[in-house]
Amino acid sequence: MSSFDFYAGAELAKTMGQATVELSVSNRGGGCGIIWDRGVIVTNAHVVGSARRARVKLRDGATLQGEVMFRDEQRDLAEVRFDAPSAGLGKASIGNAADLRVGDIVAAFGAPLGIAGALTLGIVHRKPIDADGRVHRWIEADVRLAPGNSGGPLMDARGRVVGVNSMIAYGLALAVPSESVARFLRLRGERAWIGISAEIVRLDSAEGKLGLLVAEIISGGPAARSGVIAGDIIVSVEGRSFDRPGVLERELGDREPGTSMRVEVLRGGSLRELVVTTGSSTKRTDRAA
């Protein structure tokens, strides 16, 4: 198991202090951001809201103006750009959330309740990828968070950022995995989209199998072009059946626009396999306005 000592914890807080900033916008509470690269800050979408600009407070107390470039409310991520000074700032060392193990020690850094530079420790309860390959939206850990931690780093025992702290649910901290952040930055806020609205239906009570009933389909959208019609029930994606809500959302979240995926649908009592090529959605990921 990963371990900390008191000296290592103090050094970790010092290092992360150079790569973590405080953010605030008009008429909203504050939060934190991570200097992911020179002049690039990653934070939560709920920290910046719909603002175009954010006030960036550095560790030495200096304040700068940042421009909110892109955000994704569903992933709770936003990118803020600022003119970084030539000295005195570091950037985060980025790790792989997929390498975490249940029981690994992690640390959250931020400004909970306005206390700048606070460090809290905990252990991983659930990592973003299970042993069977199932992908989850969050890293879950029993790290203590409070208002002001949002947008700050979740780090492994070696000081590498493995997630962006987002919220507390059922007493556990939820953080966006570093791989999701990298994808968000690479795609500049765009996400894969197929152009349907669907409702969960139960297919087999005994086995707990679920399906997605296509309630509406956007004319000319990716699903419509691939032959999906309203009334179809999607029963699997890439051979993976639905045993819980959110499977399709997670599948799309892991894909880039323009990629193809096999979709099995139930239509008129018969199964059909269709190939859907994802499009690019800007509905929730528009340039900040």
Protein backbone atom coordinates (compact mmCIF):
# COMPACT_ATOMS: atom_id res chain seq x y z
CA MET A 1 0.00 0.00 0.00
CA SER A 2 1.14 3.55 -0.71
CA SER A 3 2.29 5.47 2.33
CA PHE A 4 3.04 9.00 3.52
CA ASP A 5 5.19 10.26 6.34
CA PHE A 6 4.94 13.71 7.93
CA TYR A 7 7.89 15.08 5.98
CA ALA A 8 6.55 13.74 2.69
CA GLY A 9 3.13 15.25 3.42
CA ALA A 10 4.67 18.66 4.07
CA GLU A 11 6.72 18.47 0.87
CA LEU A 12 3.65 17.38 -1.05
CA ALA A 13 1.68 20.40 0.19
CA LYS A 14 4.56 22.70 -0.76
CA THR A 15 4.85 21.26 -4.26
CA MET A 16 1.14 21.31 -4.95
CA GLY A 17 0.87 24.84 -3.62
CA GLN A 18 2.93 25.99 -6.57
CA ALA A 19 0.59 24.29 -9.05
CA THR A 20 -2.76 25.09 -7.42
CA VAL A 21 -4.60 28.42 -7.63
CA GLU A 22 -7.74 29.84 -6.08
CA LEU A 23 -10.50 30.89 -8.47
CA SER A 24 -13.49 33.14 -8.04
CA VAL A 25 -16.08 34.76 -10.29
CA SER A 26 -18.66 37.45 -9.62
CA ASN A 27 -21.65 36.45 -7.48
CA ARG A 28 -20.36 32.90 -6.87
CA GLY A 29 -18.42 31.08 -4.21
CA GLY A 30 -14.80 30.26 -4.77
CA GLY A 31 -12.93 27.15 -5.66
CA CYS A 32 -9.55 25.99 -6.86
CA GLY A 33 -7.85 25.19 -10.12
CA ILE A 34 -4.85 23.11 -11.17
CA ILE A 35 -2.11 24.46 -13.40
CA TRP A 36 -2.18 21.60 -15.88
CA ASP A 37 0.27 23.26 -18.24
CA ARG A 38 1.83 26.68 -18.57
CA GLY A 39 -1.01 29.18 -18.76
CA VAL A 40 -3.67 26.42 -18.60
CA ILE A 41 -5.83 25.87 -15.53
CA VAL A 42 -8.29 22.99 -15.11
CA THR A 43 -11.15 23.39 -12.67
CA ASN A 44 -14.78 22.32 -12.23
CA ALA A 45 -17.49 23.72 -14.47
CA HIS A 46 -19.55 24.52 -11.38
CA VAL A 47 -16.74 26.70 -10.00
CA VAL A 48 -16.82 29.11 -12.95
CA GLY A 49 -20.51 28.71 -13.86
CA SER A 50 -21.40 30.65 -17.02
CA ALA A 51 -18.75 33.34 -16.49
CA ARG A 52 -16.37 34.37 -19.25
CA ARG A 53 -13.65 35.42 -16.84
CA ALA A 54 -12.35 34.30 -13.48
CA ARG A 55 -10.10 35.87 -10.89
CA VAL A 56 -6.98 33.78 -10.41
CA LYS A 57 -5.21 34.05 -7.06
CA LEU A 58 -1.70 32.65 -6.90
CA ARG A 59 -0.02 31.16 -3.84
CA ASP A 60 1.96 34.38 -3.21
CA GLY A 61 -1.28 36.40 -3.11
CA ALA A 62 -0.92 37.94 -6.58
CA THR A 63 -4.13 38.05 -8.61
CA LEU A 64 -4.55 37.74 -12.37
CA GLN A 65 -7.45 37.61 -14.80
CA GLY A 66 -8.22 34.30 -16.45
CA GLU A 67 -10.45 33.61 -19.46
CA VAL A 68 -12.84 30.68 -19.33
CA MET A 69 -12.26 28.93 -22.65
CA PHE A 70 -14.38 25.77 -22.58
CA ARG A 71 -16.51 23.86 -20.13
CA ASP A 72 -18.42 20.63 -19.95
CA GLU A 73 -21.16 20.64 -17.34
CA GLN A 74 -21.76 16.90 -17.56
CA ARG A 75 -18.14 16.06 -16.79
CA ASP A 76 -17.92 19.09 -14.46
CA LEU A 77 -14.75 20.38 -16.12
CA ALA A 78 -13.64 23.79 -17.36
CA GLU A 79 -10.48 25.18 -18.93
CA VAL A 80 -9.22 28.62 -17.89
CA ARG A 81 -6.37 30.36 -19.67
CA PHE A 82 -4.19 33.03 -18.08
CA ASP A 83 -0.93 34.86 -18.71
CA ALA A 84 1.41 32.91 -16.46
CA PRO A 85 4.35 34.79 -14.91
CA SER A 86 7.76 33.63 -16.08
CA ALA A 87 8.82 32.49 -12.60
CA GLY A 88 7.33 31.37 -9.29
CA LEU A 89 4.75 28.96 -10.65
CA GLY A 90 4.97 25.25 -11.22
CA LYS A 91 2.71 22.92 -13.09
CA ALA A 92 1.20 19.73 -11.83
CA SER A 93 2.77 16.33 -12.36
CA ILE A 94 0.00 14.27 -13.93
CA GLY A 95 -0.54 10.60 -13.08
CA ASN A 96 -2.88 7.89 -14.37
CA ALA A 97 -6.09 7.37 -12.44
CA ALA A 98 -6.38 3.94 -14.07
CA ASP A 99 -3.30 2.82 -12.10
CA LEU A 100 -4.99 3.42 -8.74
CA ARG A 101 -5.89 0.47 -6.55
CA VAL A 102 -8.65 0.24 -3.98
CA GLY A 103 -6.97 1.04 -0.67
CA ASP A 104 -4.29 3.34 -2.12
CA ILE A 105 -3.71 6.50 -0.13
CA VAL A 106 -4.64 9.74 -1.89
CA ALA A 107 -4.57 13.39 -0.86
CA ALA A 108 -6.75 16.39 -1.65
CA PHE A 109 -5.27 19.89 -1.74
CA GLY A 110 -7.18 23.15 -1.86
CA ALA A 111 -8.81 25.93 0.13
CA PRO A 112 -11.70 24.36 2.05
CA LEU A 113 -13.80 27.00 3.81
CA GLY A 114 -11.23 29.59 2.71
CA ILE A 115 -8.27 27.86 4.41
CA ALA A 116 -5.66 28.07 1.65
CA GLY A 117 -3.13 25.27 1.30
CA ALA A 118 -5.06 22.63 3.26
CA LEU A 119 -4.14 18.97 2.72
CA THR A 120 -6.33 16.02 3.65
CA LEU A 121 -5.64 12.29 3.29
CA GLY A 122 -7.82 9.26 2.62
CA ILE A 123 -7.98 6.00 0.71
CA VAL A 124 -9.47 5.02 -2.64
CA HIS A 125 -12.85 3.29 -2.32
CA ARG A 126 -13.49 2.77 -6.02
CA LYS A 127 -11.19 3.43 -8.93
CA PRO A 128 -12.45 4.61 -12.34
CA ILE A 129 -11.93 1.25 -14.08
CA ASP A 130 -12.97 -2.05 -12.49
CA ALA A 131 -11.10 -5.31 -12.96
CA ASP A 132 -13.70 -6.33 -15.57
CA GLY A 133 -13.04 -3.17 -17.59
CA ARG A 134 -16.19 -1.34 -16.49
CA VAL A 135 -15.62 2.39 -16.56
CA HIS A 136 -16.95 4.69 -13.83
CA ARG A 137 -17.35 8.44 -14.03
CA TRP A 138 -15.56 9.20 -10.77
CA ILE A 139 -12.71 8.25 -8.49
CA GLU A 140 -14.28 7.68 -5.07
CA ALA A 141 -12.23 8.23 -1.93
CA ASP A 142 -12.86 8.98 1.75
CA VAL A 143 -10.88 12.22 1.56
CA ARG A 144 -12.56 15.07 3.42
CA LEU A 145 -13.69 17.89 1.14
CA ALA A 146 -15.49 21.14 1.88
CA PRO A 147 -16.57 24.21 -0.12
CA GLY A 148 -13.36 25.62 -1.60
CA ASN A 149 -11.88 22.22 -2.47
CA SER A 150 -13.79 22.03 -5.77
CA GLY A 151 -11.48 22.11 -8.76
CA GLY A 152 -8.42 21.25 -6.72
CA PRO A 153 -6.16 18.22 -7.16
CA LEU A 154 -6.56 14.67 -5.92
CA MET A 155 -3.04 13.24 -5.75
CA ASP A 156 -1.52 9.83 -5.35
CA ALA A 157 1.20 9.09 -2.80
CA ARG A 158 3.90 10.23 -5.24
CA GLY A 159 2.38 13.68 -5.68
CA ARG A 160 0.92 13.06 -9.13
CA VAL A 161 -2.50 14.50 -9.91
CA VAL A 162 -4.90 11.65 -10.62
CA GLY A 163 -8.14 13.60 -10.47
CA VAL A 164 -9.95 16.91 -10.09
CA ASN A 165 -12.03 17.08 -6.91
CA SER A 166 -15.66 17.78 -7.69
CA MET A 167 -18.11 16.98 -4.88
CA ILE A 168 -19.09 14.87 -1.89
CA ALA A 169 -21.69 12.09 -2.21
CA TYR A 170 -22.68 9.76 0.64
CA GLY A 171 -19.64 10.92 2.59
CA LEU A 172 -17.17 10.11 -0.19
CA ALA A 173 -15.15 12.53 -2.29
CA LEU A 174 -15.77 12.28 -6.02
CA ALA A 175 -13.02 13.32 -8.42
CA VAL A 176 -12.89 13.46 -12.22
CA PRO A 177 -10.16 11.01 -13.38
CA SER A 178 -7.04 12.48 -14.98
CA GLU A 179 -7.69 10.57 -18.22
CA SER A 180 -11.07 12.30 -18.57
CA VAL A 181 -9.36 15.65 -18.05
CA ALA A 182 -6.76 14.91 -20.73
CA ARG A 183 -9.53 13.96 -23.17
CA PHE A 184 -11.48 17.13 -22.34
CA LEU A 185 -8.43 19.31 -23.03
CA ARG A 186 -7.51 17.46 -26.21
CA LEU A 187 -11.02 17.79 -27.65
CA ARG A 188 -11.38 21.40 -26.44
CA GLY A 189 -14.62 20.64 -24.67
CA GLU A 190 -16.32 18.65 -27.43
CA ARG A 191 -17.93 15.29 -26.69
CA ALA A 192 -19.19 12.32 -28.65
CA TRP A 193 -22.91 12.44 -29.44
CA ILE A 194 -25.39 10.21 -31.31
CA GLY A 195 -28.56 12.33 -31.27
CA ILE A 196 -31.16 10.41 -29.27
CA SER A 197 -33.18 10.76 -26.10
CA ALA A 198 -33.90 7.45 -24.40
CA GLU A 199 -35.62 5.94 -21.39
CA ILE A 200 -34.49 3.02 -19.25
CA VAL A 201 -36.65 -0.12 -19.62
CA ARG A 202 -36.33 -3.49 -17.92
CA LEU A 203 -35.77 -6.42 -20.27
CA ASP A 204 -35.30 -9.34 -17.89
CA SER A 205 -36.24 -9.00 -14.24
CA ALA A 206 -34.50 -12.23 -13.29
CA GLU A 207 -31.13 -11.27 -14.77
CA GLY A 208 -31.43 -7.55 -14.11
CA LYS A 209 -30.92 -6.65 -17.75
CA LEU A 210 -31.88 -3.18 -18.89
CA GLY A 211 -32.39 -1.55 -22.25
CA LEU A 212 -32.68 1.97 -23.61
CA LEU A 213 -35.95 2.74 -25.37
CA VAL A 214 -35.28 5.37 -28.05
CA ALA A 215 -38.01 7.93 -27.36
CA GLU A 216 -36.83 10.62 -29.75
CA ILE A 217 -34.26 10.78 -32.48
CA ILE A 218 -32.78 13.87 -34.09
CA SER A 219 -33.36 13.91 -37.82
CA GLY A 220 -30.05 13.78 -39.66
CA GLY A 221 -28.13 12.97 -36.47
CA PRO A 222 -25.57 10.16 -36.16
CA ALA A 223 -28.04 7.55 -34.87
CA ALA A 224 -30.64 8.41 -37.53
CA ARG A 225 -28.04 8.16 -40.30
CA SER A 226 -27.05 4.73 -39.00
CA GLY A 227 -30.61 3.37 -39.16
CA VAL A 228 -31.75 3.75 -35.54
CA ILE A 229 -35.44 4.66 -35.32
CA ALA A 230 -37.76 5.79 -32.53
CA GLY A 231 -39.12 2.74 -30.71
CA ASP A 232 -35.89 0.75 -30.99
CA ILE A 233 -34.57 -0.64 -27.73
CA ILE A 234 -30.78 -0.47 -27.45
CA VAL A 235 -29.67 -3.63 -25.63
CA SER A 236 -25.88 -3.46 -25.95
CA VAL A 237 -23.02 -1.23 -27.06
CA GLU A 238 -19.80 -2.83 -28.29
CA GLY A 239 -21.09 -6.14 -26.96
CA ARG A 240 -21.65 -4.80 -23.43
CA SER A 241 -25.19 -5.17 -22.14
CA PHE A 242 -26.86 -2.74 -19.78
CA ASP A 243 -26.98 -3.84 -16.16
CA ARG A 244 -27.25 -0.34 -14.72
CA PRO A 245 -28.22 3.15 -15.90
CA GLY A 246 -25.53 5.32 -17.47
CA VAL A 247 -23.76 2.66 -19.55
CA LEU A 248 -24.35 4.46 -22.86
CA GLU A 249 -23.35 7.79 -21.33
CA ARG A 250 -20.08 6.32 -20.06
CA GLU A 251 -19.44 4.63 -23.41
CA LEU A 252 -19.85 7.96 -25.20
CA GLY A 253 -17.76 9.73 -22.58
CA ASP A 254 -14.84 7.44 -23.40
CA ARG A 255 -15.11 8.02 -27.15
CA GLU A 256 -13.97 10.80 -29.39
CA PRO A 257 -16.28 12.33 -32.01
CA GLY A 258 -16.01 10.54 -35.35
CA THR A 259 -15.45 7.05 -33.94
CA SER A 260 -17.69 4.08 -34.71
CA MET A 261 -19.36 1.69 -32.29
CA ARG A 262 -21.50 -1.42 -32.65
CA VAL A 263 -25.01 -0.97 -31.28
CA GLU A 264 -27.44 -3.86 -30.91
CA VAL A 265 -31.13 -2.91 -31.01
CA LEU A 266 -34.34 -4.83 -30.43
CA ARG A 267 -36.93 -3.99 -33.09
CA GLY A 268 -40.19 -5.85 -33.59
CA GLY A 269 -38.97 -8.78 -31.53
CA SER A 270 -35.77 -9.20 -33.58
CA LEU A 271 -32.21 -8.17 -32.77
CA ARG A 272 -30.27 -6.04 -35.24
CA GLU A 273 -26.71 -4.81 -35.11
CA LEU A 274 -26.03 -1.31 -36.40
CA VAL A 275 -22.80 0.68 -36.61
CA VAL A 276 -23.15 4.24 -35.31
CA THR A 277 -20.46 6.82 -36.01
CA THR A 278 -20.49 9.42 -33.26
CA GLY A 279 -20.81 13.09 -34.01
CA SER A 280 -19.60 16.11 -32.05
CA SER A 281 -21.90 17.76 -29.55
CA THR A 282 -21.55 21.41 -28.63
CA LYS A 283 -24.87 21.65 -26.82
CA ARG A 284 -23.28 21.37 -23.39
CA THR A 285 -19.72 22.24 -24.23
CA ASP A 286 -20.01 25.59 -25.97
CA ARG A 287 -17.29 28.18 -25.60
CA ALA A 288 -18.02 29.99 -22.36
CA ALA A 289 -20.40 32.92 -22.84
